[in-house]
Amino acid sequence: MRRIFNTDNYPSTKGRPYSQAIIANGFLFVSGSSPRNPKTGIKPTTLREQTLQALTNIKALLEDAGTSIDNVVKATVYLKDLKDYEAMNEVYATFFKEGQPARTCIAVSDLPGGNLFEIEVIAVLSE
């Protein structure tokens, strides 16, 4: 059994062929987070700011779904430029302090909207 999960505290997927998140078998599968502020639509320009905004979006969606950043078991990070790896890690580490999830970091040739950073996660739902 699966169900779609959406919240106003995450960038809208309206008109796009995917969901913000799917709940299935005790897990929350979160689509890649845009670094746009879901309230204002503004996207920061620097890698650090984009990482902060995207992770803030992820944290809000997780909490709205009844779980938390501490329950993330897998993260996949997409970077436009691997030169930003250390800067991204500095911001990332402020969200995932202990018991960090398994993670993959991939350099890509481009991201939607000219973004420098995107992240998707899988979290265990709180019981």
N, C-alpha and C. Protein backbone atom coordinates (compact mmCIF):
# COMPACT_ATOMS: atom_id res chain seq x y z
N MET A 1 0.84 -1.18 0.00
CA MET A 1 0.00 0.00 0.00
C MET A 1 0.88 1.24 0.00
N ARG A 2 0.54 2.20 -0.80
CA ARG A 2 1.29 3.45 -0.84
C ARG A 2 0.33 4.61 -0.90
N ARG A 3 0.80 5.75 -0.40
CA ARG A 3 -0.02 6.95 -0.49
C ARG A 3 0.86 8.15 -0.72
N ILE A 4 0.33 9.08 -1.47
CA ILE A 4 1.04 10.32 -1.79
C ILE A 4 0.98 11.24 -0.58
N PHE A 5 2.10 11.91 -0.30
CA PHE A 5 2.15 12.89 0.78
C PHE A 5 2.61 14.23 0.22
N ASN A 6 1.85 15.27 0.48
CA ASN A 6 2.20 16.63 0.07
C ASN A 6 2.04 17.58 1.24
N THR A 7 2.79 18.67 1.22
CA THR A 7 2.69 19.70 2.24
C THR A 7 2.96 21.06 1.59
N ASP A 8 2.43 22.11 2.17
CA ASP A 8 2.70 23.46 1.69
C ASP A 8 4.09 23.93 2.09
N ASN A 9 4.77 23.18 2.96
CA ASN A 9 6.10 23.55 3.44
C ASN A 9 7.22 22.93 2.62
N TYR A 10 6.93 22.62 1.38
CA TYR A 10 7.89 21.99 0.47
C TYR A 10 7.60 22.53 -0.92
N PRO A 11 8.61 22.71 -1.76
CA PRO A 11 8.34 23.23 -3.11
C PRO A 11 7.24 22.43 -3.82
N SER A 12 6.33 23.13 -4.44
CA SER A 12 5.18 22.51 -5.10
C SER A 12 5.60 21.65 -6.28
N THR A 13 4.87 20.56 -6.46
CA THR A 13 5.06 19.70 -7.63
C THR A 13 3.86 19.80 -8.56
N LYS A 14 2.99 20.81 -8.30
CA LYS A 14 1.79 20.99 -9.11
C LYS A 14 2.15 21.12 -10.59
N GLY A 15 1.47 20.35 -11.42
CA GLY A 15 1.71 20.39 -12.85
C GLY A 15 2.91 19.57 -13.30
N ARG A 16 3.54 18.89 -12.36
CA ARG A 16 4.70 18.05 -12.69
C ARG A 16 4.31 16.58 -12.50
N PRO A 17 4.95 15.69 -13.22
CA PRO A 17 4.55 14.28 -13.16
C PRO A 17 5.20 13.48 -12.02
N TYR A 18 5.29 14.09 -10.83
CA TYR A 18 5.81 13.38 -9.67
C TYR A 18 5.22 14.00 -8.40
N SER A 19 5.38 13.30 -7.28
CA SER A 19 4.85 13.74 -5.99
C SER A 19 5.97 14.25 -5.11
N GLN A 20 5.61 15.06 -4.11
CA GLN A 20 6.62 15.50 -3.15
C GLN A 20 7.20 14.30 -2.41
N ALA A 21 6.32 13.40 -2.00
CA ALA A 21 6.77 12.22 -1.27
C ALA A 21 5.73 11.12 -1.37
N ILE A 22 6.19 9.90 -1.12
CA ILE A 22 5.33 8.72 -1.10
C ILE A 22 5.56 8.00 0.22
N ILE A 23 4.48 7.62 0.87
CA ILE A 23 4.55 6.80 2.07
C ILE A 23 4.24 5.37 1.66
N ALA A 24 5.15 4.45 2.03
CA ALA A 24 4.95 3.04 1.70
C ALA A 24 5.73 2.17 2.68
N ASN A 25 5.08 1.16 3.20
CA ASN A 25 5.72 0.15 4.04
C ASN A 25 6.55 0.73 5.18
N GLY A 26 6.05 1.78 5.82
CA GLY A 26 6.74 2.36 6.97
C GLY A 26 7.86 3.32 6.63
N PHE A 27 7.98 3.65 5.35
CA PHE A 27 9.03 4.58 4.90
C PHE A 27 8.40 5.77 4.20
N LEU A 28 9.13 6.87 4.21
CA LEU A 28 8.76 8.07 3.48
C LEU A 28 9.85 8.29 2.42
N PHE A 29 9.46 8.24 1.15
CA PHE A 29 10.38 8.45 0.03
C PHE A 29 10.17 9.87 -0.48
N VAL A 30 11.16 10.73 -0.30
CA VAL A 30 11.02 12.15 -0.62
C VAL A 30 11.71 12.45 -1.94
N SER A 31 10.97 13.10 -2.84
CA SER A 31 11.53 13.53 -4.13
C SER A 31 12.64 14.54 -3.90
N GLY A 32 13.47 14.72 -4.92
CA GLY A 32 14.54 15.69 -4.84
C GLY A 32 14.03 17.07 -4.47
N SER A 33 14.68 17.68 -3.48
CA SER A 33 14.25 18.99 -2.99
C SER A 33 14.92 20.11 -3.77
N SER A 34 14.10 20.95 -4.33
CA SER A 34 14.56 22.18 -4.96
C SER A 34 14.99 23.13 -3.85
N PRO A 35 16.00 23.96 -4.12
CA PRO A 35 16.40 24.93 -3.10
C PRO A 35 15.54 26.19 -3.10
N ARG A 36 14.32 26.09 -3.57
CA ARG A 36 13.40 27.24 -3.55
C ARG A 36 12.66 27.30 -2.22
N ASN A 37 12.46 28.51 -1.74
CA ASN A 37 11.65 28.71 -0.57
C ASN A 37 10.20 28.43 -0.98
N PRO A 38 9.52 27.49 -0.31
CA PRO A 38 8.16 27.12 -0.75
C PRO A 38 7.14 28.23 -0.54
N LYS A 39 7.41 29.19 0.31
CA LYS A 39 6.47 30.30 0.56
C LYS A 39 6.67 31.44 -0.43
N THR A 40 7.94 31.77 -0.72
CA THR A 40 8.23 32.94 -1.57
C THR A 40 8.58 32.59 -3.00
N GLY A 41 9.00 31.33 -3.23
CA GLY A 41 9.45 30.92 -4.55
C GLY A 41 10.86 31.38 -4.88
N ILE A 42 11.50 32.06 -3.93
CA ILE A 42 12.86 32.57 -4.17
C ILE A 42 13.88 31.47 -4.00
N LYS A 43 14.84 31.44 -4.93
CA LYS A 43 15.94 30.47 -4.88
C LYS A 43 17.22 31.23 -4.55
N PRO A 44 17.94 30.81 -3.50
CA PRO A 44 19.22 31.44 -3.20
C PRO A 44 20.22 31.23 -4.34
N THR A 45 21.28 32.01 -4.34
CA THR A 45 22.24 31.93 -5.45
C THR A 45 23.48 31.11 -5.14
N THR A 46 23.92 31.07 -3.88
CA THR A 46 25.16 30.36 -3.58
C THR A 46 24.88 28.91 -3.23
N LEU A 47 25.91 28.08 -3.37
CA LEU A 47 25.78 26.66 -3.03
C LEU A 47 25.42 26.47 -1.56
N ARG A 48 26.06 27.18 -0.67
CA ARG A 48 25.76 27.04 0.77
C ARG A 48 24.30 27.39 1.05
N GLU A 49 23.83 28.50 0.48
CA GLU A 49 22.44 28.92 0.70
C GLU A 49 21.46 27.94 0.09
N GLN A 50 21.78 27.40 -1.10
CA GLN A 50 20.90 26.43 -1.73
C GLN A 50 20.85 25.14 -0.92
N THR A 51 21.99 24.72 -0.39
CA THR A 51 22.02 23.51 0.45
C THR A 51 21.18 23.73 1.70
N LEU A 52 21.34 24.88 2.34
CA LEU A 52 20.56 25.20 3.53
C LEU A 52 19.06 25.20 3.24
N GLN A 53 18.65 25.84 2.13
CA GLN A 53 17.22 25.91 1.81
C GLN A 53 16.65 24.54 1.49
N ALA A 54 17.36 23.75 0.69
CA ALA A 54 16.86 22.42 0.32
C ALA A 54 16.73 21.53 1.55
N LEU A 55 17.71 21.57 2.44
CA LEU A 55 17.64 20.75 3.65
C LEU A 55 16.57 21.27 4.61
N THR A 56 16.35 22.56 4.65
CA THR A 56 15.25 23.12 5.44
C THR A 56 13.92 22.62 4.90
N ASN A 57 13.79 22.57 3.57
CA ASN A 57 12.58 22.03 2.94
C ASN A 57 12.37 20.56 3.31
N ILE A 58 13.44 19.78 3.24
CA ILE A 58 13.37 18.35 3.59
C ILE A 58 12.92 18.20 5.04
N LYS A 59 13.56 18.95 5.94
CA LYS A 59 13.24 18.87 7.37
C LYS A 59 11.76 19.18 7.60
N ALA A 60 11.24 20.22 6.96
CA ALA A 60 9.83 20.60 7.12
C ALA A 60 8.90 19.50 6.62
N LEU A 61 9.20 18.93 5.47
CA LEU A 61 8.35 17.86 4.93
C LEU A 61 8.36 16.66 5.87
N LEU A 62 9.54 16.28 6.34
CA LEU A 62 9.63 15.14 7.26
C LEU A 62 8.79 15.37 8.51
N GLU A 63 8.91 16.55 9.08
CA GLU A 63 8.14 16.86 10.29
C GLU A 63 6.64 16.88 10.01
N ASP A 64 6.24 17.43 8.88
CA ASP A 64 4.82 17.44 8.52
C ASP A 64 4.28 16.02 8.32
N ALA A 65 5.16 15.11 7.93
CA ALA A 65 4.76 13.71 7.73
C ALA A 65 4.80 12.91 9.03
N GLY A 66 5.24 13.55 10.12
CA GLY A 66 5.27 12.88 11.41
C GLY A 66 6.56 12.15 11.71
N THR A 67 7.63 12.50 11.01
CA THR A 67 8.93 11.90 11.28
C THR A 67 9.94 13.04 11.46
N SER A 68 11.22 12.74 11.37
CA SER A 68 12.21 13.79 11.58
C SER A 68 13.48 13.51 10.77
N ILE A 69 14.33 14.50 10.74
CA ILE A 69 15.61 14.37 10.04
C ILE A 69 16.45 13.25 10.66
N ASP A 70 16.24 12.97 11.94
CA ASP A 70 16.97 11.90 12.62
C ASP A 70 16.58 10.51 12.11
N ASN A 71 15.43 10.41 11.43
CA ASN A 71 14.97 9.13 10.91
C ASN A 71 15.32 8.90 9.44
N VAL A 72 16.13 9.78 8.87
CA VAL A 72 16.57 9.59 7.48
C VAL A 72 17.59 8.45 7.46
N VAL A 73 17.35 7.46 6.60
CA VAL A 73 18.24 6.31 6.49
C VAL A 73 19.10 6.36 5.23
N LYS A 74 18.68 7.14 4.23
CA LYS A 74 19.43 7.22 2.98
C LYS A 74 19.23 8.60 2.37
N ALA A 75 20.33 9.20 1.93
CA ALA A 75 20.28 10.48 1.24
C ALA A 75 21.07 10.37 -0.05
N THR A 76 20.56 10.99 -1.09
CA THR A 76 21.29 11.09 -2.35
C THR A 76 21.42 12.57 -2.66
N VAL A 77 22.66 13.02 -2.79
CA VAL A 77 22.97 14.42 -3.05
C VAL A 77 23.44 14.56 -4.49
N TYR A 78 22.95 15.60 -5.15
CA TYR A 78 23.36 15.91 -6.52
C TYR A 78 24.01 17.29 -6.52
N LEU A 79 25.24 17.36 -7.01
CA LEU A 79 25.98 18.62 -7.09
C LEU A 79 26.28 18.96 -8.54
N LYS A 80 26.10 20.21 -8.88
CA LYS A 80 26.46 20.68 -10.22
C LYS A 80 27.98 20.68 -10.39
N ASP A 81 28.71 20.92 -9.29
CA ASP A 81 30.17 21.00 -9.36
C ASP A 81 30.76 20.34 -8.11
N LEU A 82 31.58 19.32 -8.32
CA LEU A 82 32.19 18.63 -7.18
C LEU A 82 33.14 19.52 -6.38
N LYS A 83 33.52 20.65 -6.92
CA LYS A 83 34.34 21.59 -6.16
C LYS A 83 33.56 22.12 -4.95
N ASP A 84 32.24 21.99 -4.98
CA ASP A 84 31.39 22.45 -3.88
C ASP A 84 31.19 21.39 -2.80
N TYR A 85 31.85 20.25 -2.94
CA TYR A 85 31.64 19.12 -2.04
C TYR A 85 31.87 19.49 -0.57
N GLU A 86 32.98 20.12 -0.26
CA GLU A 86 33.29 20.47 1.14
C GLU A 86 32.32 21.51 1.68
N ALA A 87 31.99 22.52 0.89
CA ALA A 87 31.03 23.54 1.33
C ALA A 87 29.67 22.90 1.60
N MET A 88 29.25 22.00 0.72
CA MET A 88 27.98 21.29 0.92
C MET A 88 28.03 20.48 2.20
N ASN A 89 29.13 19.77 2.42
CA ASN A 89 29.28 18.94 3.62
C ASN A 89 29.18 19.76 4.90
N GLU A 90 29.71 20.97 4.90
CA GLU A 90 29.66 21.82 6.08
C GLU A 90 28.21 22.13 6.46
N VAL A 91 27.39 22.47 5.48
CA VAL A 91 25.98 22.76 5.75
C VAL A 91 25.24 21.46 6.08
N TYR A 92 25.47 20.42 5.31
CA TYR A 92 24.82 19.11 5.51
C TYR A 92 25.03 18.62 6.94
N ALA A 93 26.25 18.77 7.45
CA ALA A 93 26.59 18.28 8.79
C ALA A 93 25.81 18.99 9.89
N THR A 94 25.31 20.19 9.64
CA THR A 94 24.52 20.89 10.65
C THR A 94 23.12 20.29 10.78
N PHE A 95 22.67 19.55 9.78
CA PHE A 95 21.37 18.88 9.83
C PHE A 95 21.49 17.44 10.32
N PHE A 96 22.53 16.77 9.87
CA PHE A 96 22.74 15.36 10.22
C PHE A 96 23.93 15.28 11.17
N LYS A 97 23.66 15.45 12.47
CA LYS A 97 24.73 15.57 13.46
C LYS A 97 25.22 14.23 13.99
N GLU A 98 24.29 13.33 14.29
CA GLU A 98 24.66 12.02 14.84
C GLU A 98 23.87 10.95 14.10
N GLY A 99 24.47 9.78 13.96
CA GLY A 99 23.78 8.70 13.28
C GLY A 99 23.45 9.07 11.84
N GLN A 100 24.43 9.66 11.16
CA GLN A 100 24.21 10.13 9.79
C GLN A 100 23.70 8.99 8.91
N PRO A 101 22.83 9.36 7.96
CA PRO A 101 22.29 8.33 7.06
C PRO A 101 23.35 7.88 6.05
N ALA A 102 23.10 6.74 5.45
CA ALA A 102 23.91 6.33 4.31
C ALA A 102 23.72 7.42 3.24
N ARG A 103 24.76 7.68 2.46
CA ARG A 103 24.64 8.78 1.50
C ARG A 103 25.45 8.49 0.24
N THR A 104 24.92 8.96 -0.87
CA THR A 104 25.62 8.97 -2.14
C THR A 104 25.65 10.41 -2.61
N CYS A 105 26.79 10.83 -3.15
CA CYS A 105 26.91 12.18 -3.71
C CYS A 105 27.33 12.03 -5.16
N ILE A 106 26.56 12.65 -6.05
CA ILE A 106 26.76 12.49 -7.48
C ILE A 106 26.95 13.86 -8.12
N ALA A 107 27.98 13.99 -8.95
CA ALA A 107 28.15 15.21 -9.75
C ALA A 107 27.36 15.02 -11.03
N VAL A 108 26.60 16.05 -11.38
CA VAL A 108 25.76 15.99 -12.58
C VAL A 108 26.10 17.16 -13.49
N SER A 109 25.79 17.02 -14.76
CA SER A 109 26.12 18.09 -15.70
C SER A 109 25.18 19.28 -15.58
N ASP A 110 23.97 19.03 -15.08
CA ASP A 110 23.01 20.11 -14.93
C ASP A 110 21.91 19.66 -13.98
N LEU A 111 21.24 20.63 -13.37
CA LEU A 111 20.08 20.37 -12.51
C LEU A 111 18.95 21.28 -12.95
N PRO A 112 17.70 20.89 -12.72
CA PRO A 112 16.57 21.72 -13.12
C PRO A 112 16.66 23.13 -12.52
N GLY A 113 16.26 24.10 -13.28
CA GLY A 113 16.22 25.48 -12.80
C GLY A 113 17.57 26.12 -12.58
N GLY A 114 18.63 25.49 -13.10
CA GLY A 114 19.96 26.03 -12.88
C GLY A 114 20.45 25.86 -11.45
N ASN A 115 19.83 24.94 -10.71
CA ASN A 115 20.23 24.71 -9.32
C ASN A 115 21.64 24.16 -9.24
N LEU A 116 22.29 24.43 -8.10
CA LEU A 116 23.63 23.92 -7.83
C LEU A 116 23.60 22.68 -6.96
N PHE A 117 22.45 22.45 -6.29
CA PHE A 117 22.32 21.38 -5.29
C PHE A 117 20.90 20.83 -5.31
N GLU A 118 20.81 19.52 -5.13
CA GLU A 118 19.52 18.87 -4.92
C GLU A 118 19.76 17.67 -4.04
N ILE A 119 18.76 17.31 -3.23
CA ILE A 119 18.87 16.15 -2.35
C ILE A 119 17.53 15.42 -2.30
N GLU A 120 17.60 14.09 -2.28
CA GLU A 120 16.43 13.27 -2.03
C GLU A 120 16.75 12.36 -0.85
N VAL A 121 15.72 12.00 -0.08
CA VAL A 121 15.95 11.17 1.08
C VAL A 121 14.89 10.09 1.23
N ILE A 122 15.24 9.09 2.00
CA ILE A 122 14.31 8.06 2.45
C ILE A 122 14.37 8.06 3.97
N ALA A 123 13.21 8.13 4.61
CA ALA A 123 13.16 8.17 6.08
C ALA A 123 12.21 7.10 6.59
N VAL A 124 12.52 6.61 7.77
CA VAL A 124 11.62 5.71 8.48
C VAL A 124 10.55 6.58 9.13
N LEU A 125 9.30 6.16 9.02
CA LEU A 125 8.22 6.89 9.68
C LEU A 125 8.25 6.58 11.18
N SER A 126 8.01 7.60 11.98
CA SER A 126 7.95 7.39 13.43
C SER A 126 6.75 6.52 13.76
N GLU A 127 6.92 5.69 14.75
CA GLU A 127 5.83 4.79 15.13
C GLU A 127 4.97 5.38 16.21
